[in-house]
Amino acid sequence: MPQDLPPTGGYEPVQYKRNLPARGFRPSVMLFAMAGVMTFGFWKVGKGIREQNELAREKMWSRIHLIPLLTAEEDRDLVRRHYADLAREKALLGSESSAYNSDRFVRPTFAVTPNQTSK
């Protein structure tokens, strides 16, 4: 039996590499797209932060401008409660009484000192 020999001129080259088309975009295109999306996102975040700061500033100024109104309302409520207490006291006691002997303020002429002083 004769030995098999390669054909004259040799065998055809064997294709061992896969000849597949590249799928998707090039990495540079993906990088620029990602950078664009991130830039847009940071821009929107910055706008949102500025909007929140503006709303907080407006809220603070509205509270500052409401302080006189709220103080006046509280004062009116305190006066109403005071007169209600006086009316309740008059209904219970029959007359208005004072916790003091007179309406005139007199500065105390004595001072209380401790019995023993430590040195």
PDB file of N, CA and C in Angstrom:
ATOM      1  N   MET A   1       0.850  -1.145   0.000  1.00  0.00           N
ATOM      2  CA  MET A   1       0.000   0.000   0.000  1.00  0.00           C
ATOM      3  C   MET A   1       0.906   1.220   0.000  1.00  0.00           C
ATOM      4  N   PRO A   2       0.607   2.106  -0.965  1.00  0.00           N
ATOM      5  CA  PRO A   2       1.462   3.289  -1.044  1.00  0.00           C
ATOM      6  C   PRO A   2       1.081   4.303   0.033  1.00  0.00           C
ATOM      7  N   GLN A   3       2.010   5.126   0.437  1.00  0.00           N
ATOM      8  CA  GLN A   3       1.792   6.130   1.498  1.00  0.00           C
ATOM      9  C   GLN A   3       1.095   7.339   0.897  1.00  0.00           C
ATOM     10  N   ASP A   4       0.133   7.897   1.719  1.00  0.00           N
ATOM     11  CA  ASP A   4      -0.557   9.106   1.256  1.00  0.00           C
ATOM     12  C   ASP A   4       0.379  10.295   1.410  1.00  0.00           C
ATOM     13  N   LEU A   5       0.423  11.093   0.411  1.00  0.00           N
ATOM     14  CA  LEU A   5       1.259  12.283   0.433  1.00  0.00           C
ATOM     15  C   LEU A   5       0.368  13.499   0.198  1.00  0.00           C
ATOM     16  N   PRO A   6       0.838  14.660   0.635  1.00  0.00           N
ATOM     17  CA  PRO A   6       0.027  15.852   0.376  1.00  0.00           C
ATOM     18  C   PRO A   6      -0.047  16.110  -1.127  1.00  0.00           C
ATOM     19  N   PRO A   7      -1.118  16.741  -1.531  1.00  0.00           N
ATOM     20  CA  PRO A   7      -1.215  17.046  -2.944  1.00  0.00           C
ATOM     21  C   PRO A   7      -0.112  18.029  -3.370  1.00  0.00           C
ATOM     22  N   THR A   8       0.167  18.062  -4.595  1.00  0.00           N
ATOM     23  CA  THR A   8       1.201  18.980  -5.069  1.00  0.00           C
ATOM     24  C   THR A   8       0.711  20.399  -4.894  1.00  0.00           C
ATOM     25  N   GLY A   9       1.521  21.216  -4.409  1.00  0.00           N
ATOM     26  CA  GLY A   9       1.149  22.610  -4.126  1.00  0.00           C
ATOM     27  C   GLY A   9       0.630  22.778  -2.714  1.00  0.00           C
ATOM     28  N   GLY A  10       0.414  21.729  -1.952  1.00  0.00           N
ATOM     29  CA  GLY A  10       0.006  21.777  -0.546  1.00  0.00           C
ATOM     30  C   GLY A  10      -1.504  21.885  -0.367  1.00  0.00           C
ATOM     31  N   TYR A  11      -1.863  21.763   0.855  1.00  0.00           N
ATOM     32  CA  TYR A  11      -3.288  21.883   1.200  1.00  0.00           C
ATOM     33  C   TYR A  11      -3.701  23.354   1.228  1.00  0.00           C
ATOM     34  N   GLU A  12      -4.993  23.586   1.161  1.00  0.00           N
ATOM     35  CA  GLU A  12      -5.516  24.955   1.272  1.00  0.00           C
ATOM     36  C   GLU A  12      -5.364  25.414   2.730  1.00  0.00           C
ATOM     37  N   PRO A  13      -5.208  26.708   2.948  1.00  0.00           N
ATOM     38  CA  PRO A  13      -5.081  27.178   4.339  1.00  0.00           C
ATOM     39  C   PRO A  13      -6.373  26.899   5.118  1.00  0.00           C
ATOM     40  N   VAL A  14      -6.207  26.517   6.353  1.00  0.00           N
ATOM     41  CA  VAL A  14      -7.349  26.218   7.212  1.00  0.00           C
ATOM     42  C   VAL A  14      -7.791  27.521   7.881  1.00  0.00           C
ATOM     43  N   GLN A  15      -9.102  27.838   7.812  1.00  0.00           N
ATOM     44  CA  GLN A  15      -9.611  29.062   8.451  1.00  0.00           C
ATOM     45  C   GLN A  15      -9.921  28.731   9.909  1.00  0.00           C
ATOM     46  N   TYR A  16      -9.083  29.205  10.791  1.00  0.00           N
ATOM     47  CA  TYR A  16      -9.294  28.958  12.222  1.00  0.00           C
ATOM     48  C   TYR A  16      -9.841  30.193  12.935  1.00  0.00           C
ATOM     49  N   LYS A  17      -9.795  31.344  12.290  1.00  0.00           N
ATOM     50  CA  LYS A  17     -10.372  32.548  12.889  1.00  0.00           C
ATOM     51  C   LYS A  17     -11.836  32.649  12.486  1.00  0.00           C
ATOM     52  N   ARG A  18     -12.662  33.189  13.449  1.00  0.00           N
ATOM     53  CA  ARG A  18     -14.068  33.396  13.119  1.00  0.00           C
ATOM     54  C   ARG A  18     -14.197  34.748  12.464  1.00  0.00           C
ATOM     55  N   ASN A  19     -14.874  34.803  11.399  1.00  0.00           N
ATOM     56  CA  ASN A  19     -15.039  36.048  10.658  1.00  0.00           C
ATOM     57  C   ASN A  19     -16.442  36.595  10.953  1.00  0.00           C
ATOM     58  N   LEU A  20     -16.605  37.078  12.202  1.00  0.00           N
ATOM     59  CA  LEU A  20     -17.920  37.597  12.597  1.00  0.00           C
ATOM     60  C   LEU A  20     -17.907  39.114  12.547  1.00  0.00           C
ATOM     61  N   PRO A  21     -19.006  39.722  12.134  1.00  0.00           N
ATOM     62  CA  PRO A  21     -19.056  41.193  12.144  1.00  0.00           C
ATOM     63  C   PRO A  21     -19.116  41.705  13.586  1.00  0.00           C
ATOM     64  N   ALA A  22     -18.545  42.873  13.817  1.00  0.00           N
ATOM     65  CA  ALA A  22     -18.569  43.477  15.156  1.00  0.00           C
ATOM     66  C   ALA A  22     -19.995  43.917  15.465  1.00  0.00           C
ATOM     67  N   ARG A  23     -20.506  43.547  16.658  1.00  0.00           N
ATOM     68  CA  ARG A  23     -21.863  43.905  17.041  1.00  0.00           C
ATOM     69  C   ARG A  23     -21.820  45.150  17.918  1.00  0.00           C
ATOM     70  N   GLY A  24     -22.781  46.017  17.743  1.00  0.00           N
ATOM     71  CA  GLY A  24     -22.884  47.200  18.586  1.00  0.00           C
ATOM     72  C   GLY A  24     -22.017  48.349  18.085  1.00  0.00           C
ATOM     73  N   PHE A  25     -21.965  49.392  18.906  1.00  0.00           N
ATOM     74  CA  PHE A  25     -21.209  50.578  18.537  1.00  0.00           C
ATOM     75  C   PHE A  25     -19.759  50.415  18.946  1.00  0.00           C
ATOM     76  N   ARG A  26     -18.938  51.260  18.380  1.00  0.00           N
ATOM     77  CA  ARG A  26     -17.537  51.262  18.772  1.00  0.00           C
ATOM     78  C   ARG A  26     -17.434  51.767  20.206  1.00  0.00           C
ATOM     79  N   PRO A  27     -16.403  51.397  20.922  1.00  0.00           N
ATOM     80  CA  PRO A  27     -16.256  51.856  22.316  1.00  0.00           C
ATOM     81  C   PRO A  27     -16.204  53.371  22.444  1.00  0.00           C
ATOM     82  N   SER A  28     -15.616  54.055  21.475  1.00  0.00           N
ATOM     83  CA  SER A  28     -15.551  55.519  21.570  1.00  0.00           C
ATOM     84  C   SER A  28     -16.951  56.126  21.484  1.00  0.00           C
ATOM     85  N   VAL A  29     -17.801  55.553  20.628  1.00  0.00           N
ATOM     86  CA  VAL A  29     -19.173  56.060  20.523  1.00  0.00           C
ATOM     87  C   VAL A  29     -19.916  55.806  21.835  1.00  0.00           C
ATOM     88  N   MET A  30     -19.725  54.627  22.417  1.00  0.00           N
ATOM     89  CA  MET A  30     -20.364  54.312  23.689  1.00  0.00           C
ATOM     90  C   MET A  30     -19.882  55.260  24.787  1.00  0.00           C
ATOM     91  N   LEU A  31     -18.580  55.571  24.802  1.00  0.00           N
ATOM     92  CA  LEU A  31     -18.020  56.473  25.806  1.00  0.00           C
ATOM     93  C   LEU A  31     -18.622  57.864  25.684  1.00  0.00           C
ATOM     94  N   PHE A  32     -18.711  58.378  24.443  1.00  0.00           N
ATOM     95  CA  PHE A  32     -19.285  59.711  24.252  1.00  0.00           C
ATOM     96  C   PHE A  32     -20.778  59.728  24.596  1.00  0.00           C
ATOM     97  N   ALA A  33     -21.487  58.663  24.276  1.00  0.00           N
ATOM     98  CA  ALA A  33     -22.912  58.598  24.622  1.00  0.00           C
ATOM     99  C   ALA A  33     -23.093  58.578  26.135  1.00  0.00           C
ATOM    100  N   MET A  34     -22.282  57.793  26.827  1.00  0.00           N
ATOM    101  CA  MET A  34     -22.368  57.735  28.284  1.00  0.00           C
ATOM    102  C   MET A  34     -22.019  59.097  28.902  1.00  0.00           C
ATOM    103  N   ALA A  35     -20.979  59.748  28.370  1.00  0.00           N
ATOM    104  CA  ALA A  35     -20.605  61.074  28.885  1.00  0.00           C
ATOM    105  C   ALA A  35     -21.735  62.074  28.654  1.00  0.00           C
ATOM    106  N   GLY A  36     -22.407  61.985  27.503  1.00  0.00           N
ATOM    107  CA  GLY A  36     -23.519  62.890  27.236  1.00  0.00           C
ATOM    108  C   GLY A  36     -24.689  62.657  28.186  1.00  0.00           C
ATOM    109  N   VAL A  37     -25.010  61.397  28.438  1.00  0.00           N
ATOM    110  CA  VAL A  37     -26.111  61.082  29.355  1.00  0.00           C
ATOM    111  C   VAL A  37     -25.766  61.546  30.766  1.00  0.00           C
ATOM    112  N   MET A  38     -24.519  61.327  31.191  1.00  0.00           N
ATOM    113  CA  MET A  38     -24.123  61.749  32.538  1.00  0.00           C
ATOM    114  C   MET A  38     -24.120  63.272  32.660  1.00  0.00           C
ATOM    115  N   THR A  39     -23.665  63.959  31.618  1.00  0.00           N
ATOM    116  CA  THR A  39     -23.676  65.425  31.650  1.00  0.00           C
ATOM    117  C   THR A  39     -25.103  65.947  31.768  1.00  0.00           C
ATOM    118  N   PHE A  40     -26.006  65.365  30.995  1.00  0.00           N
ATOM    119  CA  PHE A  40     -27.409  65.770  31.080  1.00  0.00           C
ATOM    120  C   PHE A  40     -27.969  65.506  32.476  1.00  0.00           C
ATOM    121  N   GLY A  41     -27.643  64.351  33.051  1.00  0.00           N
ATOM    122  CA  GLY A  41     -28.127  64.022  34.389  1.00  0.00           C
ATOM    123  C   GLY A  41     -27.611  64.988  35.445  1.00  0.00           C
ATOM    124  N   PHE A  42     -26.309  65.297  35.394  1.00  0.00           N
ATOM    125  CA  PHE A  42     -25.754  66.246  36.364  1.00  0.00           C
ATOM    126  C   PHE A  42     -26.356  67.634  36.183  1.00  0.00           C
ATOM    127  N   TRP A  43     -26.638  68.016  34.940  1.00  0.00           N
ATOM    128  CA  TRP A  43     -27.262  69.315  34.683  1.00  0.00           C
ATOM    129  C   TRP A  43     -28.654  69.361  35.315  1.00  0.00           C
ATOM    130  N   LYS A  44     -29.430  68.256  35.154  1.00  0.00           N
ATOM    131  CA  LYS A  44     -30.766  68.220  35.758  1.00  0.00           C
ATOM    132  C   LYS A  44     -30.688  68.212  37.285  1.00  0.00           C
ATOM    133  N   VAL A  45     -29.712  67.498  37.844  1.00  0.00           N
ATOM    134  CA  VAL A  45     -29.542  67.484  39.301  1.00  0.00           C
ATOM    135  C   VAL A  45     -29.210  68.887  39.796  1.00  0.00           C
ATOM    136  N   GLY A  46     -28.324  69.580  39.092  1.00  0.00           N
ATOM    137  CA  GLY A  46     -27.978  70.955  39.476  1.00  0.00           C
ATOM    138  C   GLY A  46     -29.183  71.879  39.435  1.00  0.00           C
ATOM    139  N   LYS A  47     -30.002  71.742  38.387  1.00  0.00           N
ATOM    140  CA  LYS A  47     -31.220  72.558  38.313  1.00  0.00           C
ATOM    141  C   LYS A  47     -32.154  72.240  39.467  1.00  0.00           C
ATOM    142  N   GLY A  48     -32.268  70.949  39.807  1.00  0.00           N
ATOM    143  CA  GLY A  48     -33.141  70.558  40.919  1.00  0.00           C
ATOM    144  C   GLY A  48     -32.658  71.106  42.247  1.00  0.00           C
ATOM    145  N   ILE A  49     -31.341  71.087  42.459  1.00  0.00           N
ATOM    146  CA  ILE A  49     -30.783  71.628  43.707  1.00  0.00           C
ATOM    147  C   ILE A  49     -31.033  73.126  43.792  1.00  0.00           C
ATOM    148  N   ARG A  50     -30.835  73.830  42.670  1.00  0.00           N
ATOM    149  CA  ARG A  50     -31.112  75.278  42.678  1.00  0.00           C
ATOM    150  C   ARG A  50     -32.582  75.554  42.951  1.00  0.00           C
ATOM    151  N   GLU A  51     -33.471  74.743  42.392  1.00  0.00           N
ATOM    152  CA  GLU A  51     -34.909  74.918  42.629  1.00  0.00           C
ATOM    153  C   GLU A  51     -35.254  74.675  44.098  1.00  0.00           C
ATOM    154  N   GLN A  52     -34.665  73.631  44.692  1.00  0.00           N
ATOM    155  CA  GLN A  52     -34.914  73.352  46.112  1.00  0.00           C
ATOM    156  C   GLN A  52     -34.399  74.494  46.985  1.00  0.00           C
ATOM    157  N   ASN A  53     -33.226  75.041  46.651  1.00  0.00           N
ATOM    158  CA  ASN A  53     -32.696  76.172  47.418  1.00  0.00           C
ATOM    159  C   ASN A  53     -33.614  77.383  47.306  1.00  0.00           C
ATOM    160  N   GLU A  54     -34.137  77.626  46.111  1.00  0.00           N
ATOM    161  CA  GLU A  54     -35.044  78.760  45.920  1.00  0.00           C
ATOM    162  C   GLU A  54     -36.340  78.562  46.708  1.00  0.00           C
ATOM    163  N   LEU A  55     -36.864  77.336  46.708  1.00  0.00           N
ATOM    164  CA  LEU A  55     -38.088  77.070  47.470  1.00  0.00           C
ATOM    165  C   LEU A  55     -37.845  77.206  48.975  1.00  0.00           C
ATOM    166  N   ALA A  56     -36.679  76.767  49.444  1.00  0.00           N
ATOM    167  CA  ALA A  56     -36.365  76.914  50.869  1.00  0.00           C
ATOM    168  C   ALA A  56     -36.227  78.382  51.241  1.00  0.00           C
ATOM    169  N   ARG A  57     -35.579  79.170  50.366  1.00  0.00           N
ATOM    170  CA  ARG A  57     -35.443  80.604  50.635  1.00  0.00           C
ATOM    171  C   ARG A  57     -36.809  81.283  50.664  1.00  0.00           C
ATOM    172  N   GLU A  58     -37.681  80.927  49.721  1.00  0.00           N
ATOM    173  CA  GLU A  58     -39.027  81.511  49.693  1.00  0.00           C
ATOM    174  C   GLU A  58     -39.818  81.121  50.944  1.00  0.00           C
ATOM    175  N   LYS A  59     -39.681  79.876  51.383  1.00  0.00           N
ATOM    176  CA  LYS A  59     -40.373  79.419  52.585  1.00  0.00           C
ATOM    177  C   LYS A  59     -39.880  80.192  53.803  1.00  0.00           C
ATOM    178  N   MET A  60     -38.565  80.400  53.895  1.00  0.00           N
ATOM    179  CA  MET A  60     -38.011  81.126  55.035  1.00  0.00           C
ATOM    180  C   MET A  60     -38.507  82.572  55.057  1.00  0.00           C
ATOM    181  N   TRP A  61     -38.505  83.233  53.889  1.00  0.00           N
ATOM    182  CA  TRP A  61     -38.978  84.619  53.854  1.00  0.00           C
ATOM    183  C   TRP A  61     -40.475  84.700  54.153  1.00  0.00           C
ATOM    184  N   SER A  62     -41.249  83.712  53.709  1.00  0.00           N
ATOM    185  CA  SER A  62     -42.683  83.754  54.024  1.00  0.00           C
ATOM    186  C   SER A  62     -42.896  83.601  55.528  1.00  0.00           C
ATOM    187  N   ARG A  63     -42.100  82.752  56.178  1.00  0.00           N
ATOM    188  CA  ARG A  63     -42.213  82.628  57.630  1.00  0.00           C
ATOM    189  C   ARG A  63     -41.775  83.913  58.326  1.00  0.00           C
ATOM    190  N   ILE A  64     -40.715  84.543  57.826  1.00  0.00           N
ATOM    191  CA  ILE A  64     -40.253  85.796  58.427  1.00  0.00           C
ATOM    192  C   ILE A  64     -41.341  86.861  58.325  1.00  0.00           C
ATOM    193  N   HIS A  65     -42.023  86.934  57.178  1.00  0.00           N
ATOM    194  CA  HIS A  65     -43.062  87.947  57.004  1.00  0.00           C
ATOM    195  C   HIS A  65     -44.331  87.609  57.780  1.00  0.00           C
ATOM    196  N   LEU A  66     -44.516  86.342  58.167  1.00  0.00           N
ATOM    197  CA  LEU A  66     -45.701  85.970  58.945  1.00  0.00           C
ATOM    198  C   LEU A  66     -45.505  86.162  60.450  1.00  0.00           C
ATOM    199  N   ILE A  67     -44.271  86.382  60.906  1.00  0.00           N
ATOM    200  CA  ILE A  67     -44.002  86.489  62.348  1.00  0.00           C
ATOM    201  C   ILE A  67     -44.832  87.592  63.012  1.00  0.00           C
ATOM    202  N   PRO A  68     -44.920  88.814  62.456  1.00  0.00           N
ATOM    203  CA  PRO A  68     -45.746  89.835  63.127  1.00  0.00           C
ATOM    204  C   PRO A  68     -47.215  89.426  63.236  1.00  0.00           C
ATOM    205  N   LEU A  69     -47.756  88.824  62.196  1.00  0.00           N
ATOM    206  CA  LEU A  69     -49.155  88.393  62.234  1.00  0.00           C
ATOM    207  C   LEU A  69     -49.361  87.322  63.306  1.00  0.00           C
ATOM    208  N   LEU A  70     -48.462  86.359  63.367  1.00  0.00           N
ATOM    209  CA  LEU A  70     -48.598  85.285  64.365  1.00  0.00           C
ATOM    210  C   LEU A  70     -48.410  85.819  65.785  1.00  0.00           C
ATOM    211  N   THR A  71     -47.498  86.780  65.951  1.00  0.00           N
ATOM    212  CA  THR A  71     -47.298  87.390  67.272  1.00  0.00           C
ATOM    213  C   THR A  71     -48.549  88.146  67.708  1.00  0.00           C
ATOM    214  N   ALA A  72     -49.148  88.907  66.783  1.00  0.00           N
ATOM    215  CA  ALA A  72     -50.377  89.637  67.121  1.00  0.00           C
ATOM    216  C   ALA A  72     -51.510  88.669  67.456  1.00  0.00           C
ATOM    217  N   GLU A  73     -51.608  87.596  66.725  1.00  0.00           N
ATOM    218  CA  GLU A  73     -52.657  86.612  67.004  1.00  0.00           C
ATOM    219  C   GLU A  73     -52.445  85.974  68.381  1.00  0.00           C
ATOM    220  N   GLU A  74     -51.194  85.673  68.718  1.00  0.00           N
ATOM    221  CA  GLU A  74     -50.903  85.102  70.029  1.00  0.00           C
ATOM    222  C   GLU A  74     -51.222  86.100  71.144  1.00  0.00           C
ATOM    223  N   ASP A  75     -50.893  87.383  70.918  1.00  0.00           N
ATOM    224  CA  ASP A  75     -51.199  88.404  71.920  1.00  0.00           C
ATOM    225  C   ASP A  75     -52.708  88.538  72.133  1.00  0.00           C
ATOM    226  N   ARG A  76     -53.471  88.521  71.054  1.00  0.00           N
ATOM    227  CA  ARG A  76     -54.933  88.597  71.182  1.00  0.00           C
ATOM    228  C   ARG A  76     -55.474  87.408  71.960  1.00  0.00           C
ATOM    229  N   ASP A  77     -54.897  86.219  71.704  1.00  0.00           N
ATOM    230  CA  ASP A  77     -55.339  85.027  72.416  1.00  0.00           C
ATOM    231  C   ASP A  77     -55.003  85.134  73.900  1.00  0.00           C
ATOM    232  N   LEU A  78     -53.812  85.672  74.227  1.00  0.00           N
ATOM    233  CA  LEU A  78     -53.433  85.832  75.636  1.00  0.00           C
ATOM    234  C   LEU A  78     -54.347  86.828  76.353  1.00  0.00           C
ATOM    235  N   VAL A  79     -54.686  87.918  75.673  1.00  0.00           N
ATOM    236  CA  VAL A  79     -55.596  88.908  76.277  1.00  0.00           C
ATOM    237  C   VAL A  79     -56.971  88.282  76.496  1.00  0.00           C
ATOM    238  N   ARG A  80     -57.459  87.526  75.501  1.00  0.00           N
ATOM    239  CA  ARG A  80     -58.758  86.866  75.647  1.00  0.00           C
ATOM    240  C   ARG A  80     -58.743  85.899  76.828  1.00  0.00           C
ATOM    241  N   ARG A  81     -57.668  85.130  76.972  1.00  0.00           N
ATOM    242  CA  ARG A  81     -57.567  84.194  78.093  1.00  0.00           C
ATOM    243  C   ARG A  81     -57.499  84.931  79.438  1.00  0.00           C
ATOM    244  N   HIS A  82     -56.773  86.070  79.443  1.00  0.00           N
ATOM    245  CA  HIS A  82     -56.662  86.845  80.682  1.00  0.00           C
ATOM    246  C   HIS A  82     -58.037  87.350  81.120  1.00  0.00           C
ATOM    247  N   TYR A  83     -58.802  87.914  80.184  1.00  0.00           N
ATOM    248  CA  TYR A  83     -60.134  88.413  80.545  1.00  0.00           C
ATOM    249  C   TYR A  83     -61.076  87.269  80.920  1.00  0.00           C
ATOM    250  N   ALA A  84     -60.913  86.106  80.293  1.00  0.00           N
ATOM    251  CA  ALA A  84     -61.724  84.945  80.666  1.00  0.00           C
ATOM    252  C   ALA A  84     -61.382  84.500  82.082  1.00  0.00           C
ATOM    253  N   ASP A  85     -60.081  84.530  82.456  1.00  0.00           N
ATOM    254  CA  ASP A  85     -59.677  84.187  83.830  1.00  0.00           C
ATOM    255  C   ASP A  85     -60.255  85.175  84.831  1.00  0.00           C
ATOM    256  N   LEU A  86     -60.222  86.484  84.479  1.00  0.00           N
ATOM    257  CA  LEU A  86     -60.797  87.490  85.381  1.00  0.00           C
ATOM    258  C   LEU A  86     -62.305  87.259  85.553  1.00  0.00           C
ATOM    259  N   ALA A  87     -62.993  86.946  84.473  1.00  0.00           N
ATOM    260  CA  ALA A  87     -64.443  86.709  84.574  1.00  0.00           C
ATOM    261  C   ALA A  87     -64.721  85.450  85.395  1.00  0.00           C
ATOM    262  N   ARG A  88     -63.915  84.411  85.197  1.00  0.00           N
ATOM    263  CA  ARG A  88     -64.097  83.184  85.974  1.00  0.00           C
ATOM    264  C   ARG A  88     -63.818  83.444  87.463  1.00  0.00           C
ATOM    265  N   GLU A  89     -62.797  84.241  87.738  1.00  0.00           N
ATOM    266  CA  GLU A  89     -62.475  84.569  89.134  1.00  0.00           C
ATOM    267  C   GLU A  89     -63.602  85.384  89.769  1.00  0.00           C
ATOM    268  N   LYS A  90     -64.155  86.329  89.014  1.00  0.00           N
ATOM    269  CA  LYS A  90     -65.263  87.133  89.547  1.00  0.00           C
ATOM    270  C   LYS A  90     -66.494  86.261  89.786  1.00  0.00           C
ATOM    271  N   ALA A  91     -66.734  85.267  88.899  1.00  0.00           N
ATOM    272  CA  ALA A  91     -67.888  84.384  89.085  1.00  0.00           C
ATOM    273  C   ALA A  91     -67.699  83.477  90.293  1.00  0.00           C
ATOM    274  N   LEU A  92     -66.466  83.046  90.547  1.00  0.00           N
ATOM    275  CA  LEU A  92     -66.223  82.146  91.679  1.00  0.00           C
ATOM    276  C   LEU A  92     -66.145  82.896  93.005  1.00  0.00           C
ATOM    277  N   LEU A  93     -65.428  84.023  93.016  1.00  0.00           N
ATOM    278  CA  LEU A  93     -65.197  84.734  94.276  1.00  0.00           C
ATOM    279  C   LEU A  93     -66.206  85.846  94.538  1.00  0.00           C
ATOM    280  N   GLY A  94     -66.919  86.257  93.538  1.00  0.00           N
ATOM    281  CA  GLY A  94     -67.900  87.317  93.726  1.00  0.00           C
ATOM    282  C   GLY A  94     -67.313  88.693  93.528  1.00  0.00           C
ATOM    283  N   SER A  95     -66.024  88.837  93.556  1.00  0.00           N
ATOM    284  CA  SER A  95     -65.386  90.133  93.319  1.00  0.00           C
ATOM    285  C   SER A  95     -64.003  89.881  92.748  1.00  0.00           C
ATOM    286  N   GLU A  96     -63.502  90.919  92.127  1.00  0.00           N
ATOM    287  CA  GLU A  96     -62.144  90.794  91.602  1.00  0.00           C
ATOM    288  C   GLU A  96     -61.170  90.972  92.757  1.00  0.00           C
ATOM    289  N   SER A  97     -60.246  90.079  92.884  1.00  0.00           N
ATOM    290  CA  SER A  97     -59.247  90.210  93.943  1.00  0.00           C
ATOM    291  C   SER A  97     -57.877  90.275  93.307  1.00  0.00           C
ATOM    292  N   SER A  98     -56.969  90.839  94.058  1.00  0.00           N
ATOM    293  CA  SER A  98     -55.607  90.980  93.572  1.00  0.00           C
ATOM    294  C   SER A  98     -54.680  90.184  94.469  1.00  0.00           C
ATOM    295  N   ALA A  99     -53.623  89.733  93.919  1.00  0.00           N
ATOM    296  CA  ALA A  99     -52.649  88.993  94.713  1.00  0.00           C
ATOM    297  C   ALA A  99     -51.784  89.938  95.538  1.00  0.00           C
ATOM    298  N   TYR A 100     -51.896  91.229  95.284  1.00  0.00           N
ATOM    299  CA  TYR A 100     -51.075  92.221  95.977  1.00  0.00           C
ATOM    300  C   TYR A 100     -51.948  93.089  96.877  1.00  0.00           C
ATOM    301  N   ASN A 101     -51.329  93.747  97.859  1.00  0.00           N
ATOM    302  CA  ASN A 101     -52.065  94.621  98.766  1.00  0.00           C
ATOM    303  C   ASN A 101     -52.500  95.899  98.075  1.00  0.00           C
ATOM    304  N   SER A 102     -51.680  96.397  97.174  1.00  0.00           N
ATOM    305  CA  SER A 102     -52.026  97.613  96.447  1.00  0.00           C
ATOM    306  C   SER A 102     -51.490  97.477  95.023  1.00  0.00           C
ATOM    307  N   ASP A 103     -51.946  98.377  94.182  1.00  0.00           N
ATOM    308  CA  ASP A 103     -51.489  98.359  92.797  1.00  0.00           C
ATOM    309  C   ASP A 103     -50.127  99.012  92.644  1.00  0.00           C
ATOM    310  N   ARG A 104     -49.674  99.694  93.675  1.00  0.00           N
ATOM    311  CA  ARG A 104     -48.412 100.408  93.613  1.00  0.00           C
ATOM    312  C   ARG A 104     -47.274  99.450  93.948  1.00  0.00           C
ATOM    313  N   PHE A 105     -46.204  99.509  93.138  1.00  0.00           N
ATOM    314  CA  PHE A 105     -45.053  98.647  93.397  1.00  0.00           C
ATOM    315  C   PHE A 105     -44.122  99.345  94.377  1.00  0.00           C
ATOM    316  N   VAL A 106     -43.776  98.639  95.449  1.00  0.00           N
ATOM    317  CA  VAL A 106     -42.850  99.167  96.441  1.00  0.00           C
ATOM    318  C   VAL A 106     -41.639  98.249  96.474  1.00  0.00           C
ATOM    319  N   ARG A 107     -40.477  98.855  96.325  1.00  0.00           N
ATOM    320  CA  ARG A 107     -39.254  98.062  96.366  1.00  0.00           C
ATOM    321  C   ARG A 107     -39.030  97.563  97.780  1.00  0.00           C
ATOM    322  N   PRO A 108     -38.666  96.291  97.953  1.00  0.00           N
ATOM    323  CA  PRO A 108     -38.438  95.775  99.296  1.00  0.00           C
ATOM    324  C   PRO A 108     -37.298  96.530  99.993  1.00  0.00           C
ATOM    325  N   THR A 109     -37.490  96.772 101.299  1.00  0.00           N
ATOM    326  CA  THR A 109     -36.476  97.520 102.044  1.00  0.00           C
ATOM    327  C   THR A 109     -35.619  96.609 102.899  1.00  0.00           C
ATOM    328  N   PHE A 110     -35.767  95.334 102.749  1.00  0.00           N
ATOM    329  CA  PHE A 110     -34.955  94.394 103.522  1.00  0.00           C
ATOM    330  C   PHE A 110     -34.413  93.334 102.575  1.00  0.00           C
ATOM    331  N   ALA A 111     -33.393  92.673 103.018  1.00  0.00           N
ATOM    332  CA  ALA A 111     -32.787  91.596 102.235  1.00  0.00           C
ATOM    333  C   ALA A 111     -32.625  90.395 103.150  1.00  0.00           C
ATOM    334  N   VAL A 112     -32.861  89.235 102.636  1.00  0.00           N
ATOM    335  CA  VAL A 112     -32.710  88.004 103.398  1.00  0.00           C
ATOM    336  C   VAL A 112     -31.301  87.494 103.155  1.00  0.00           C
ATOM    337  N   THR A 113     -30.596  87.284 104.265  1.00  0.00           N
ATOM    338  CA  THR A 113     -29.238  86.768 104.165  1.00  0.00           C
ATOM    339  C   THR A 113     -29.190  85.389 104.827  1.00  0.00           C
ATOM    340  N   PRO A 114     -28.290  84.538 104.413  1.00  0.00           N
ATOM    341  CA  PRO A 114     -28.206  83.216 105.051  1.00  0.00           C
ATOM    342  C   PRO A 114     -27.724  83.333 106.492  1.00  0.00           C
ATOM    343  N   ASN A 115     -28.127  82.346 107.337  1.00  0.00           N
ATOM    344  CA  ASN A 115     -27.734  82.364 108.753  1.00  0.00           C
ATOM    345  C   ASN A 115     -26.237  82.187 108.917  1.00  0.00           C
ATOM    346  N   GLN A 116     -25.690  81.187 108.258  1.00  0.00           N
ATOM    347  CA  GLN A 116     -24.265  80.917 108.432  1.00  0.00           C
ATOM    348  C   GLN A 116     -23.570  81.087 107.075  1.00  0.00           C
ATOM    349  N   THR A 117     -22.458  81.685 107.146  1.00  0.00           N
ATOM    350  CA  THR A 117     -21.672  81.826 105.924  1.00  0.00           C
ATOM    351  C   THR A 117     -20.440  80.946 106.049  1.00  0.00           C
ATOM    352  N   SER A 118     -20.116  80.229 105.045  1.00  0.00           N
ATOM    353  CA  SER A 118     -18.940  79.364 105.094  1.00  0.00           C
ATOM    354  C   SER A 118     -17.758  80.086 104.475  1.00  0.00           C
ATOM    355  N   LYS A 119     -16.602  79.851 105.118  1.00  0.00           N
ATOM    356  CA  LYS A 119     -15.397  80.531 104.608  1.00  0.00           C
ATOM    357  C   LYS A 119     -14.409  79.545 104.097  1.00  0.00           C
TER     358      LYS A 119
END
